[in-house]
Every structure is written in structure tokens, then in C-alpha cells.
């Protein structure tokens, strides 16, 4: 008896980013090059903006693949991040940090200690796909994470693609 996984072949034009089939031309390659320069310059945040279907998720996948050897890449975005605690919990799990069932555990402090730990060799690169779906609370948590410094440049560098320009709430516009 065959199962569906054995019969599956990748269609010629898959509906998801496929780095193995990508041909390095056009605007996607230009976006990858620009963001890669930003990461190498240790800029805190890069934002990719474009309408649906223009290759933002593909850019994220290509950047993750490109920096896999030089950075500790954390890819987020395949599931929703509803609040700050969910962001911290997801990052910690992706980093391989064991979490207790203690609901009073300070996740942000644990995340900061884990990111800044002397045993964590290398620079972290956080890639967040579908950042437009994140709340202001979660975006602020990402900003705080990117401000972590010790003996020089920032430890993590995030890349956040967004399908549209996000207008800040009125309280931020002054």
C-alpha cells in the first residue's frame, strides 16, 4: 500500500517558496542582495514590503539559506504569534532552550540571557515572515530584542517582510 508522501512530486510552479528551484534574477535577487548587505553591516532591522505573490517569503527562505553557515538563523512566521509571551516562547524553543511549565517564568529575561550567553557562539539572525500580522506589542518586543548589545554590535538581526505599509497608530504619530 502506498502513502501520499511517496507519490508526491513537486509541481512545476509550487504555491510556496522553493529555494531549490529559484533562479537568481530580477527583483527577488535585488532584495536578497540589499538585505544581505544590511545584515553584514549589522543594521538592526530590515523590512521587505510588497504586495502578495511578489516573493517576500522566498526572500526570507533564501536569506535563511545564505546565512545558515555564518549566523544562527531563527525563522518565524509559519504560525501566528499572538502576544509577547508567545514570541519569547517560540524563540526560546527554536534556540533549543528547555522551558519549564512554570507559568511565572520571566520569558523575556530567559530569552535575553540565552541570546547574550557566552556559550551562544555567533550572531543570531531572526527572520520573521508575515510581520504585518504581528501586533504592536509583539513588534515592540522584537525591537527590544534587537537592541541587545554586549562588547560591540547588536546580537540578533531581524528581517521582517510585510505585505503592505503599516500606518502607526495615532498615539505614535504625536
C-alpha atoms as a PDB file:
ATOM      1  CA  UNK A   1       0.000   0.000   0.000  1.00  0.00           C
ATOM      2  CA  UNK A   2       1.417   3.416  -0.986  1.00  0.00           C
ATOM      3  CA  UNK A   3       1.052   6.537   1.049  1.00  0.00           C
ATOM      4  CA  UNK A   4       0.553  10.054  -0.295  1.00  0.00           C
ATOM      5  CA  UNK A   5       4.099  11.153   0.639  1.00  0.00           C
ATOM      6  CA  UNK A   6       5.677   8.522  -1.611  1.00  0.00           C
ATOM      7  CA  UNK A   7       3.587   9.661  -4.582  1.00  0.00           C
ATOM      8  CA  UNK A   8       4.209  13.392  -4.057  1.00  0.00           C
ATOM      9  CA  UNK A   9       6.260  15.224  -6.647  1.00  0.00           C
ATOM     10  CA  UNK A  10       6.892  18.943  -6.542  1.00  0.00           C
ATOM     11  CA  UNK A  11       4.727  20.700  -9.139  1.00  0.00           C
ATOM     12  CA  UNK A  12       6.492  22.863 -11.741  1.00  0.00           C
ATOM     13  CA  UNK A  13       5.198  26.070 -10.118  1.00  0.00           C
ATOM     14  CA  UNK A  14       4.655  25.360  -6.415  1.00  0.00           C
ATOM     15  CA  UNK A  15       2.456  27.685  -4.363  1.00  0.00           C
ATOM     16  CA  UNK A  16       5.164  28.054  -1.721  1.00  0.00           C
ATOM     17  CA  UNK A  17       8.756  29.363  -1.762  1.00  0.00           C
ATOM     18  CA  UNK A  18      11.143  26.810  -3.237  1.00  0.00           C
ATOM     19  CA  UNK A  19      14.784  27.827  -2.850  1.00  0.00           C
ATOM     20  CA  UNK A  20      15.942  24.761  -4.759  1.00  0.00           C
ATOM     21  CA  UNK A  21      14.111  25.927  -7.892  1.00  0.00           C
ATOM     22  CA  UNK A  22      14.851  29.628  -7.625  1.00  0.00           C
ATOM     23  CA  UNK A  23      16.749  31.262 -10.499  1.00  0.00           C
ATOM     24  CA  UNK A  24      18.776  34.214  -9.179  1.00  0.00           C
ATOM     25  CA  UNK A  25      17.393  37.039 -11.311  1.00  0.00           C
ATOM     26  CA  UNK A  26      15.174  40.100 -11.005  1.00  0.00           C
ATOM     27  CA  UNK A  27      13.715  41.914  -8.020  1.00  0.00           C
ATOM     28  CA  UNK A  28      13.928  38.943  -5.638  1.00  0.00           C
ATOM     29  CA  UNK A  29      17.700  38.747  -6.112  1.00  0.00           C
ATOM     30  CA  UNK A  30      17.971  42.522  -5.696  1.00  0.00           C
ATOM     31  CA  UNK A  31      16.034  42.324  -2.406  1.00  0.00           C
ATOM     32  CA  UNK A  32      18.213  39.426  -1.191  1.00  0.00           C
ATOM     33  CA  UNK A  33      21.366  41.418  -2.017  1.00  0.00           C
ATOM     34  CA  UNK A  34      20.161  44.577  -0.261  1.00  0.00           C
ATOM     35  CA  UNK A  35      19.046  42.784   2.887  1.00  0.00           C
ATOM     36  CA  UNK A  36      22.225  40.677   2.929  1.00  0.00           C
ATOM     37  CA  UNK A  37      24.297  43.895   2.864  1.00  0.00           C
ATOM     38  CA  UNK A  38      22.167  45.199   5.736  1.00  0.00           C
ATOM     39  CA  UNK A  39      22.760  42.026   7.762  1.00  0.00           C
ATOM     40  CA  UNK A  40      26.504  42.121   7.101  1.00  0.00           C
ATOM     41  CA  UNK A  41      26.598  45.812   8.124  1.00  0.00           C
ATOM     42  CA  UNK A  42      24.867  44.741  11.380  1.00  0.00           C
ATOM     43  CA  UNK A  43      21.948  47.088  10.872  1.00  0.00           C
ATOM     44  CA  UNK A  44      19.272  46.382  13.448  1.00  0.00           C
ATOM     45  CA  UNK A  45      16.216  45.838  11.256  1.00  0.00           C
ATOM     46  CA  UNK A  46      15.463  45.251   7.585  1.00  0.00           C
ATOM     47  CA  UNK A  47      11.919  45.409   6.268  1.00  0.00           C
ATOM     48  CA  UNK A  48      10.729  43.975   2.957  1.00  0.00           C
ATOM     49  CA  UNK A  49       7.480  45.434   1.631  1.00  0.00           C
ATOM     50  CA  UNK A  50       5.401  44.271  -1.337  1.00  0.00           C
ATOM     51  CA  UNK A  51       2.016  43.004  -2.429  1.00  0.00           C
ATOM     52  CA  UNK A  52       1.065  39.315  -2.174  1.00  0.00           C
ATOM     53  CA  UNK A  53       2.918  36.990  -4.520  1.00  0.00           C
ATOM     54  CA  UNK A  54       5.973  39.160  -5.120  1.00  0.00           C
ATOM     55  CA  UNK A  55       8.491  36.864  -3.430  1.00  0.00           C
ATOM     56  CA  UNK A  56       8.813  38.177   0.142  1.00  0.00           C
ATOM     57  CA  UNK A  57       8.630  34.680   1.649  1.00  0.00           C
ATOM     58  CA  UNK A  58      11.080  33.425  -0.973  1.00  0.00           C
ATOM     59  CA  UNK A  59      13.489  36.229   0.004  1.00  0.00           C
ATOM     60  CA  UNK A  60      13.210  35.097   3.647  1.00  0.00           C
ATOM     61  CA  UNK A  61      13.942  31.487   2.703  1.00  0.00           C
ATOM     62  CA  UNK A  62      16.901  32.492   0.500  1.00  0.00           C
ATOM     63  CA  UNK A  63      18.355  34.700   3.247  1.00  0.00           C
ATOM     64  CA  UNK A  64      17.984  31.914   5.806  1.00  0.00           C
ATOM     65  CA  UNK A  65      19.831  29.570   3.476  1.00  0.00           C
ATOM     66  CA  UNK A  66      22.514  32.173   2.636  1.00  0.00           C
ATOM     67  CA  UNK A  67      23.312  32.973   6.274  1.00  0.00           C
ATOM     68  CA  UNK A  68      22.962  29.456   7.695  1.00  0.00           C
ATOM     69  CA  UNK A  69      26.751  28.984   7.823  1.00  0.00           C
ATOM     70  CA  UNK A  70      27.665  32.384   9.308  1.00  0.00           C
ATOM     71  CA  UNK A  71      24.718  33.133  11.615  1.00  0.00           C
ATOM     72  CA  UNK A  72      22.401  31.280  13.932  1.00  0.00           C
ATOM     73  CA  UNK A  73      19.188  31.690  11.939  1.00  0.00           C
ATOM     74  CA  UNK A  74      15.784  31.710  13.634  1.00  0.00           C
ATOM     75  CA  UNK A  75      12.911  31.599  11.115  1.00  0.00           C
ATOM     76  CA  UNK A  76       9.447  32.645  12.328  1.00  0.00           C
ATOM     77  CA  UNK A  77       6.181  33.216  10.551  1.00  0.00           C
ATOM     78  CA  UNK A  78       4.706  29.854   9.689  1.00  0.00           C
ATOM     79  CA  UNK A  79       2.391  30.146  12.698  1.00  0.00           C
ATOM     80  CA  UNK A  80       0.792  33.194  14.245  1.00  0.00           C
ATOM     81  CA  UNK A  81       2.424  34.945  17.174  1.00  0.00           C
ATOM     82  CA  UNK A  82      -0.431  36.310  19.242  1.00  0.00           C
ATOM     83  CA  UNK A  83       1.450  38.065  22.031  1.00  0.00           C
ATOM     84  CA  UNK A  84       4.836  38.860  23.509  1.00  0.00           C
ATOM     85  CA  UNK A  85       4.996  35.696  25.621  1.00  0.00           C
ATOM     86  CA  UNK A  86       4.274  33.562  22.534  1.00  0.00           C
ATOM     87  CA  UNK A  87       7.143  35.312  20.689  1.00  0.00           C
ATOM     88  CA  UNK A  88       9.568  34.695  23.558  1.00  0.00           C
ATOM     89  CA  UNK A  89       8.424  31.078  23.943  1.00  0.00           C
ATOM     90  CA  UNK A  90       8.785  30.403  20.195  1.00  0.00           C
ATOM     91  CA  UNK A  91      12.267  31.976  20.016  1.00  0.00           C
ATOM     92  CA  UNK A  92      13.431  30.051  23.081  1.00  0.00           C
ATOM     93  CA  UNK A  93      12.171  26.757  21.673  1.00  0.00           C
ATOM     94  CA  UNK A  94      13.840  27.436  18.314  1.00  0.00           C
ATOM     95  CA  UNK A  95      17.070  28.148  20.198  1.00  0.00           C
ATOM     96  CA  UNK A  96      16.792  24.774  21.934  1.00  0.00           C
ATOM     97  CA  UNK A  97      16.224  26.220  25.412  1.00  0.00           C
ATOM     98  CA  UNK A  98      14.223  23.917  27.669  1.00  0.00           C
ATOM     99  CA  UNK A  99      11.191  25.649  29.139  1.00  0.00           C
ATOM    100  CA  UNK A 100       9.560  24.657  32.395  1.00  0.00           C
ATOM    101  CA  UNK A 101       5.821  24.522  32.888  1.00  0.00           C
ATOM    102  CA  UNK A 102       6.156  27.366  35.392  1.00  0.00           C
ATOM    103  CA  UNK A 103       3.700  29.996  34.194  1.00  0.00           C
ATOM    104  CA  UNK A 104       5.507  32.637  36.280  1.00  0.00           C
ATOM    105  CA  UNK A 105       8.803  32.174  34.441  1.00  0.00           C
ATOM    106  CA  UNK A 106      10.092  35.503  33.073  1.00  0.00           C
ATOM    107  CA  UNK A 107      10.393  34.557  29.409  1.00  0.00           C
ATOM    108  CA  UNK A 108      11.920  37.849  28.270  1.00  0.00           C
ATOM    109  CA  UNK A 109      14.725  37.616  30.833  1.00  0.00           C
ATOM    110  CA  UNK A 110      15.350  33.973  29.910  1.00  0.00           C
ATOM    111  CA  UNK A 111      15.460  34.918  26.213  1.00  0.00           C
ATOM    112  CA  UNK A 112      17.884  37.793  26.816  1.00  0.00           C
ATOM    113  CA  UNK A 113      20.137  35.597  28.947  1.00  0.00           C
ATOM    114  CA  UNK A 114      20.069  32.898  26.271  1.00  0.00           C
ATOM    115  CA  UNK A 115      20.839  35.327  23.428  1.00  0.00           C
ATOM    116  CA  UNK A 116      23.648  37.004  25.354  1.00  0.00           C
ATOM    117  CA  UNK A 117      25.125  33.816  26.811  1.00  0.00           C
ATOM    118  CA  UNK A 118      28.838  33.312  26.301  1.00  0.00           C
ATOM    119  CA  UNK A 119      28.081  29.740  25.234  1.00  0.00           C
ATOM    120  CA  UNK A 120      25.993  31.039  22.304  1.00  0.00           C
ATOM    121  CA  UNK A 121      28.656  31.480  19.656  1.00  0.00           C
ATOM    122  CA  UNK A 122      27.873  33.591  16.620  1.00  0.00           C
ATOM    123  CA  UNK A 123      25.366  36.233  15.688  1.00  0.00           C
ATOM    124  CA  UNK A 124      21.670  35.488  15.708  1.00  0.00           C
ATOM    125  CA  UNK A 125      19.591  36.323  12.642  1.00  0.00           C
ATOM    126  CA  UNK A 126      15.854  36.463  13.251  1.00  0.00           C
ATOM    127  CA  UNK A 127      13.736  36.239  10.097  1.00  0.00           C
ATOM    128  CA  UNK A 128      10.028  36.934  10.591  1.00  0.00           C
ATOM    129  CA  UNK A 129       7.729  36.254   7.649  1.00  0.00           C
ATOM    130  CA  UNK A 130       4.266  37.857   7.663  1.00  0.00           C
ATOM    131  CA  UNK A 131       5.279  40.571  10.136  1.00  0.00           C
ATOM    132  CA  UNK A 132       2.248  42.661   9.167  1.00  0.00           C
ATOM    133  CA  UNK A 133       0.128  40.213  11.149  1.00  0.00           C
ATOM    134  CA  UNK A 134       2.045  40.986  14.364  1.00  0.00           C
ATOM    135  CA  UNK A 135       0.512  43.232  16.998  1.00  0.00           C
ATOM    136  CA  UNK A 136       2.178  46.441  18.163  1.00  0.00           C
ATOM    137  CA  UNK A 137       3.017  44.599  21.423  1.00  0.00           C
ATOM    138  CA  UNK A 138       4.896  41.860  19.544  1.00  0.00           C
ATOM    139  CA  UNK A 139       6.661  44.361  17.245  1.00  0.00           C
ATOM    140  CA  UNK A 140       7.825  46.266  20.331  1.00  0.00           C
ATOM    141  CA  UNK A 141       9.176  43.014  21.814  1.00  0.00           C
ATOM    142  CA  UNK A 142      11.103  42.387  18.567  1.00  0.00           C
ATOM    143  CA  UNK A 143      12.521  45.932  18.786  1.00  0.00           C
ATOM    144  CA  UNK A 144      13.693  45.343  22.355  1.00  0.00           C
ATOM    145  CA  UNK A 145      15.349  42.077  21.347  1.00  0.00           C
ATOM    146  CA  UNK A 146      17.243  43.821  18.541  1.00  0.00           C
ATOM    147  CA  UNK A 147      18.649  46.375  20.986  1.00  0.00           C
ATOM    148  CA  UNK A 148      20.698  43.740  22.829  1.00  0.00           C
ATOM    149  CA  UNK A 149      24.397  44.607  22.785  1.00  0.00           C
ATOM    150  CA  UNK A 150      27.480  43.300  24.505  1.00  0.00           C
ATOM    151  CA  UNK A 151      31.012  44.338  23.630  1.00  0.00           C
ATOM    152  CA  UNK A 152      30.059  45.980  20.359  1.00  0.00           C
ATOM    153  CA  UNK A 153      27.385  45.320  17.791  1.00  0.00           C
ATOM    154  CA  UNK A 154      23.859  44.065  18.348  1.00  0.00           C
ATOM    155  CA  UNK A 155      23.487  40.346  18.915  1.00  0.00           C
ATOM    156  CA  UNK A 156      20.365  39.494  16.876  1.00  0.00           C
ATOM    157  CA  UNK A 157      19.455  40.998  13.489  1.00  0.00           C
ATOM    158  CA  UNK A 158      15.827  40.682  12.395  1.00  0.00           C
ATOM    159  CA  UNK A 159      14.419  40.704   8.874  1.00  0.00           C
ATOM    160  CA  UNK A 160      10.701  41.362   8.686  1.00  0.00           C
ATOM    161  CA  UNK A 161       8.789  41.192   5.416  1.00  0.00           C
ATOM    162  CA  UNK A 162       5.478  42.999   5.308  1.00  0.00           C
ATOM    163  CA  UNK A 163       2.852  42.821   2.553  1.00  0.00           C
ATOM    164  CA  UNK A 164       1.929  46.486   2.900  1.00  0.00           C
ATOM    165  CA  UNK A 165       2.995  49.715   4.541  1.00  0.00           C
ATOM    166  CA  UNK A 166       1.820  49.722   8.128  1.00  0.00           C
ATOM    167  CA  UNK A 167       0.488  53.053   9.363  1.00  0.00           C
ATOM    168  CA  UNK A 168       1.468  53.548  13.001  1.00  0.00           C
ATOM    169  CA  UNK A 169      -1.372  54.091  15.481  1.00  0.00           C
ATOM    170  CA  UNK A 170      -2.279  57.718  16.188  1.00  0.00           C
ATOM    171  CA  UNK A 171      -0.611  57.655  19.638  1.00  0.00           C
ATOM    172  CA  UNK A 172       2.765  57.063  17.935  1.00  0.00           C
ATOM    173  CA  UNK A 173       2.337  59.900  15.436  1.00  0.00           C
ATOM    174  CA  UNK A 174       2.312  62.525  18.189  1.00  0.00           C
END
